[in-house]
Amino acid sequence: MKKLVFPVLLIMMTVGCGQADPDKPAGEPDPEVEYVFHDDFYYFHASDSNGKVYLTPCEDEYMIAFKADDAESVLNYIDANGYVHLQEHTGSISNTVTELPELWRNYMVAWIKGPKEILDLPEVFYSCKIYDRHKEPASKFYDPESKFEGKFFPDGGFSVVLDDEHQEDMLNKVIQYAEDFNAVLNYVTEYPKTVRFMCMPDSPYNPVEIANWFCEVAGFHAEPIYWNMYSGFD
């Protein structure tokens, strides 16, 4: 996923480094806060490590998304070109709010290990990094011989929880911020009120980076969407 020029309004809110004021109402980014987008950890609010799960990007492991109709071509390319085929699954987006762009309908996701050239396949419409997941910065909690356990497999999107009493107002703000990131609305659940978005090919940041911005600048509870070994892996 290429880093593109970011919209001027959001740049004004988020350039540099820093964190949101915890006393400031959620959804009101402080234009004085300088911010650097990062993916060295994400916030997991049930975590026992100060609410953070630390991540290390894998240099040659990627999530790729493609249309289900192109699956045979993409998977044959993977098998024929020396890639380690970690796993794939059929997309399970259930939209209840708005029409999704054609890209995120009838799609599949695969996680692979190998040369970056696969990102140039015309059938691959979205990609981002796979991560090693750490309980603490210097402490891995997985078997390094396993190709799944302890990996963080992003699924192309992020979710934001609306726990403020003014939920409709918060929803409007979240949608506007997501549009600035070129992310599209997927669905809204009623309880707890959670909004899910999917990144587009021209989204300037990946789901981990965007979710962290929602936590640290906009003041929401947010997490990247990911697939884990308990979600149907072989």
Protein backbone atom coordinates (compact mmCIF):
# COMPACT_ATOMS: atom_id res chain seq x y z
CA MET A 1 0.00 0.00 0.00
CA LYS A 2 1.57 3.25 -1.11
CA LYS A 3 1.87 6.27 1.16
CA LEU A 4 0.02 9.05 -0.63
CA VAL A 5 -0.30 12.76 0.00
CA PHE A 6 -2.73 13.09 2.89
CA PRO A 7 -5.67 15.53 2.89
CA VAL A 8 -4.66 18.98 4.16
CA LEU A 9 -7.29 19.09 6.91
CA LEU A 10 -6.09 15.87 8.50
CA ILE A 11 -2.45 16.79 8.08
CA MET A 12 -3.11 19.93 10.10
CA MET A 13 -4.51 17.78 12.89
CA THR A 14 -1.97 14.97 12.88
CA VAL A 15 1.55 15.87 11.80
CA GLY A 16 4.44 15.27 14.23
CA CYS A 17 4.28 13.23 17.43
CA GLY A 18 2.17 13.19 20.57
CA GLN A 19 -1.01 11.85 22.14
CA ALA A 20 -4.51 13.12 22.67
CA ASP A 21 -5.52 14.80 25.90
CA PRO A 22 -7.48 12.17 27.88
CA ASP A 23 -9.69 14.94 29.29
CA LYS A 24 -10.70 16.12 25.83
CA PRO A 25 -14.05 14.74 24.55
CA ALA A 26 -13.71 11.80 22.17
CA GLY A 27 -13.93 12.73 18.53
CA GLU A 28 -12.43 16.22 18.91
CA PRO A 29 -8.81 16.08 17.63
CA ASP A 30 -6.63 18.84 18.99
CA PRO A 31 -5.05 20.82 16.11
CA GLU A 32 -2.12 21.58 18.39
CA VAL A 33 -1.27 17.88 18.79
CA GLU A 34 1.62 16.78 16.60
CA TYR A 35 1.48 13.17 15.58
CA VAL A 36 3.46 10.45 13.80
CA PHE A 37 1.56 7.48 12.40
CA HIS A 38 2.96 4.21 13.77
CA ASP A 39 2.31 0.48 13.73
CA ASP A 40 4.66 -0.76 16.46
CA PHE A 41 1.65 -1.68 18.61
CA TYR A 42 -2.13 -1.50 18.62
CA TYR A 43 -4.58 -0.96 21.46
CA PHE A 44 -6.40 -4.01 22.74
CA HIS A 45 -8.55 -2.92 25.65
CA ALA A 46 -8.80 -6.39 27.18
CA SER A 47 -5.01 -6.73 27.18
CA ASP A 48 -3.00 -7.27 30.37
CA SER A 49 -0.07 -5.20 29.06
CA ASN A 50 -1.28 -1.63 29.58
CA GLY A 51 -3.85 -2.04 26.82
CA LYS A 52 -1.21 -2.46 24.10
CA VAL A 53 -0.17 -5.37 21.94
CA TYR A 54 3.28 -4.79 20.45
CA LEU A 55 3.99 -5.57 16.81
CA THR A 56 7.03 -6.05 14.61
CA PRO A 57 6.50 -5.87 10.83
CA CYS A 58 7.58 -8.99 8.92
CA GLU A 59 9.77 -7.94 6.02
CA ASP A 60 8.50 -10.51 3.51
CA GLU A 61 5.00 -11.41 4.70
CA TYR A 62 1.89 -9.75 3.32
CA MET A 63 -1.86 -9.75 3.37
CA ILE A 64 -3.30 -9.50 -0.14
CA ALA A 65 -6.94 -8.99 -1.14
CA PHE A 66 -8.41 -9.96 -4.50
CA LYS A 67 -11.75 -10.76 -6.07
CA ALA A 68 -13.02 -14.30 -5.48
CA ASP A 69 -13.34 -14.68 -9.26
CA ASP A 70 -9.56 -14.19 -9.51
CA ALA A 71 -8.70 -16.67 -6.76
CA GLU A 72 -7.55 -19.46 -9.06
CA SER A 73 -5.18 -17.16 -10.94
CA VAL A 74 -3.72 -15.58 -7.78
CA LEU A 75 -3.35 -18.83 -5.83
CA ASN A 76 -1.76 -20.58 -8.84
CA TYR A 77 0.74 -17.71 -9.09
CA ILE A 78 1.55 -18.09 -5.39
CA ASP A 79 2.15 -21.83 -5.74
CA ALA A 80 4.18 -21.49 -8.95
CA ASN A 81 6.51 -18.72 -7.79
CA GLY A 82 7.99 -19.99 -4.56
CA TYR A 83 5.73 -18.24 -2.07
CA VAL A 84 4.82 -19.79 1.26
CA HIS A 85 1.04 -19.85 1.22
CA LEU A 86 0.15 -19.23 4.85
CA GLN A 87 -3.63 -19.15 4.58
CA GLU A 88 -6.56 -17.66 2.77
CA HIS A 89 -10.22 -17.10 3.53
CA THR A 90 -13.31 -15.85 1.79
CA GLY A 91 -14.25 -12.31 2.72
CA SER A 92 -17.10 -12.08 5.18
CA ILE A 93 -18.11 -8.45 5.07
CA SER A 94 -21.78 -8.00 5.96
CA ASN A 95 -22.85 -4.52 5.01
CA THR A 96 -25.93 -3.07 6.69
CA VAL A 97 -25.40 0.67 6.24
CA THR A 98 -24.26 1.66 2.79
CA GLU A 99 -23.27 0.18 -0.53
CA LEU A 100 -19.67 -0.96 -0.45
CA PRO A 101 -17.42 -0.27 -3.43
CA GLU A 102 -17.20 -3.16 -5.84
CA LEU A 103 -13.65 -3.97 -4.66
CA TRP A 104 -14.82 -5.15 -1.25
CA ARG A 105 -17.65 -7.32 -2.53
CA ASN A 106 -17.14 -11.02 -3.23
CA TYR A 107 -13.48 -10.88 -2.28
CA MET A 108 -10.85 -13.13 -0.72
CA VAL A 109 -7.86 -12.45 1.51
CA ALA A 110 -4.63 -14.44 1.56
CA TRP A 111 -1.54 -14.20 3.73
CA ILE A 112 1.70 -15.08 2.00
CA LYS A 113 5.45 -15.09 2.58
CA GLY A 114 7.75 -14.26 -0.31
CA PRO A 115 8.90 -11.56 -2.75
CA LYS A 116 7.13 -8.25 -2.75
CA GLU A 117 6.50 -8.55 -6.50
CA ILE A 118 3.19 -10.23 -5.75
CA LEU A 119 1.83 -6.83 -4.75
CA ASP A 120 2.12 -5.80 -8.39
CA LEU A 121 -0.29 -8.47 -9.63
CA PRO A 122 -3.21 -6.74 -11.36
CA GLU A 123 -5.67 -8.96 -9.48
CA VAL A 124 -4.38 -7.78 -6.07
CA PHE A 125 -6.36 -4.64 -5.22
CA TYR A 126 -5.19 -4.17 -1.60
CA SER A 127 -2.22 -5.24 0.50
CA CYS A 128 -0.55 -4.53 3.82
CA LYS A 129 2.07 -5.98 6.12
CA ILE A 130 1.85 -9.03 8.38
CA TYR A 131 3.31 -8.64 11.87
CA ASP A 132 4.86 -10.66 14.65
CA ARG A 133 2.81 -10.02 17.75
CA HIS A 134 4.50 -9.57 21.13
CA LYS A 135 3.11 -9.55 24.61
CA GLU A 136 5.82 -7.11 25.63
CA PRO A 137 8.45 -5.32 23.54
CA ALA A 138 11.10 -7.97 24.26
CA SER A 139 8.95 -11.03 24.95
CA LYS A 140 7.35 -13.13 22.22
CA PHE A 141 4.58 -15.44 23.32
CA TYR A 142 4.39 -17.83 20.42
CA ASP A 143 6.19 -20.86 19.03
CA PRO A 144 8.55 -19.53 16.34
CA GLU A 145 8.17 -22.81 14.44
CA SER A 146 4.46 -22.19 13.97
CA LYS A 147 3.40 -20.26 10.88
CA PHE A 148 0.24 -18.98 12.59
CA GLU A 149 0.59 -18.72 16.34
CA GLY A 150 1.73 -15.29 17.48
CA LYS A 151 1.25 -13.73 14.05
CA PHE A 152 -0.93 -10.70 13.52
CA PHE A 153 -2.86 -11.12 10.26
CA PRO A 154 -4.56 -7.82 9.28
CA ASP A 155 -7.82 -8.14 7.43
CA GLY A 156 -7.91 -4.81 5.62
CA GLY A 157 -10.02 -2.79 8.01
CA PHE A 158 -10.46 -1.24 11.43
CA SER A 159 -13.30 -0.75 13.90
CA VAL A 160 -14.18 2.14 16.19
CA VAL A 161 -16.30 1.83 19.35
CA LEU A 162 -18.73 4.63 20.17
CA ASP A 163 -19.04 4.64 23.94
CA ASP A 164 -20.01 8.30 24.29
CA GLU A 165 -23.59 9.15 25.21
CA HIS A 166 -23.92 11.32 22.08
CA GLN A 167 -23.53 8.40 19.73
CA GLU A 168 -25.12 9.88 16.62
CA ASP A 169 -22.83 12.90 16.77
CA MET A 170 -19.86 10.64 17.38
CA LEU A 171 -20.86 8.40 14.47
CA ASN A 172 -20.89 11.38 12.11
CA LYS A 173 -17.43 12.43 13.26
CA VAL A 174 -16.01 8.92 12.88
CA ILE A 175 -17.42 8.62 9.36
CA GLN A 176 -15.91 11.97 8.39
CA TYR A 177 -12.49 11.05 9.78
CA ALA A 178 -12.61 7.67 7.99
CA GLU A 179 -13.39 9.42 4.71
CA ASP A 180 -10.26 11.53 5.20
CA PHE A 181 -8.34 8.24 5.38
CA ASN A 182 -10.07 6.95 2.22
CA ALA A 183 -11.71 4.17 4.22
CA VAL A 184 -15.24 3.03 3.45
CA LEU A 185 -18.04 2.26 5.89
CA ASN A 186 -18.77 -1.43 6.27
CA TYR A 187 -21.30 -1.82 9.08
CA VAL A 188 -22.55 -0.47 12.39
CA THR A 189 -23.49 -2.78 15.26
CA GLU A 190 -25.99 -1.57 17.81
CA TYR A 191 -24.63 -3.01 21.06
CA PRO A 192 -21.95 -2.18 21.67
CA LYS A 193 -22.12 0.57 19.08
CA THR A 194 -19.20 -0.32 16.81
CA VAL A 195 -18.38 1.04 13.36
CA ARG A 196 -16.29 -0.99 10.94
CA PHE A 197 -14.43 0.42 7.95
CA MET A 198 -12.39 -1.12 5.14
CA CYS A 199 -9.29 0.58 3.70
CA MET A 200 -9.10 1.33 0.00
CA PRO A 201 -6.08 0.99 -2.33
CA ASP A 202 -5.42 4.72 -1.98
CA SER A 203 -5.72 4.80 1.81
CA PRO A 204 -2.52 6.57 2.91
CA TYR A 205 -2.05 4.46 6.07
CA ASN A 206 -2.71 0.86 7.03
CA PRO A 207 -5.42 -0.33 9.46
CA VAL A 208 -3.04 -0.50 12.45
CA GLU A 209 -1.85 3.07 11.91
CA ILE A 210 -5.36 4.40 11.41
CA ALA A 211 -6.77 2.61 14.46
CA ASN A 212 -3.95 4.04 16.59
CA TRP A 213 -4.76 7.55 15.31
CA PHE A 214 -8.39 7.11 16.36
CA CYS A 215 -7.21 6.12 19.85
CA GLU A 216 -4.42 8.63 20.34
CA VAL A 217 -5.72 11.71 18.56
CA ALA A 218 -9.49 11.43 18.14
CA GLY A 219 -9.95 9.80 21.57
CA PHE A 220 -11.97 6.72 20.54
CA HIS A 221 -11.52 3.05 21.33
CA ALA A 222 -10.38 1.52 18.04
CA GLU A 223 -8.67 -1.64 16.84
CA PRO A 224 -7.45 -2.97 13.50
CA ILE A 225 -9.47 -5.92 12.21
CA TYR A 226 -7.45 -9.11 12.09
CA TRP A 227 -7.79 -12.84 11.58
CA ASN A 228 -6.40 -15.24 14.15
CA MET A 229 -5.61 -18.93 14.40
CA TYR A 230 -8.90 -19.56 16.21
CA SER A 231 -10.97 -18.11 13.38
CA GLY A 232 -10.93 -21.05 11.02
CA PHE A 233 -7.28 -21.58 10.11
CA ASP A 234 -6.21 -25.10 9.13
